[in-house]
Amino acid sequence: MRGLIALYFEDASKKLKQLGQLLAQGNVEFSVLDSVVHQFKGSSASFGAAEMTYLCIAMREHGKNNDIAGCTAELGRMEEAFGRLQRTLEEYSRLEAHR
């Protein structure tokens, strides 16, 4: 289980960074953004990270409307959700290690 957690967090960190970089560009390539978010949604859904999955869906909707401000706001929510998920799973891992 620890290996899976580590893989998800490594991938999620990369995706969040990539999304931030895409949104920081003057001319956002929404097709690239959508592809990254789609991949992130799939890995989050497979991992069971429901909140992150829903936030990815919301960001894709903003992206379809070329709404940079909406995508940026969703990215902030995704980063907050990621932090909460990371803290929860770190605690879970610590408890499992003591079993």
Foldseek 3Di string as FASTA:
>chain_A
DVVLVVVLLVLLVVLLVVLVVQLPDPDRPLVVNLVSLVVNLVSCVVVVVVVLNVLSVQLNVCSVVVNSVSNVVSSVVNVVSSVVVVVVVVVVVVVVVVD
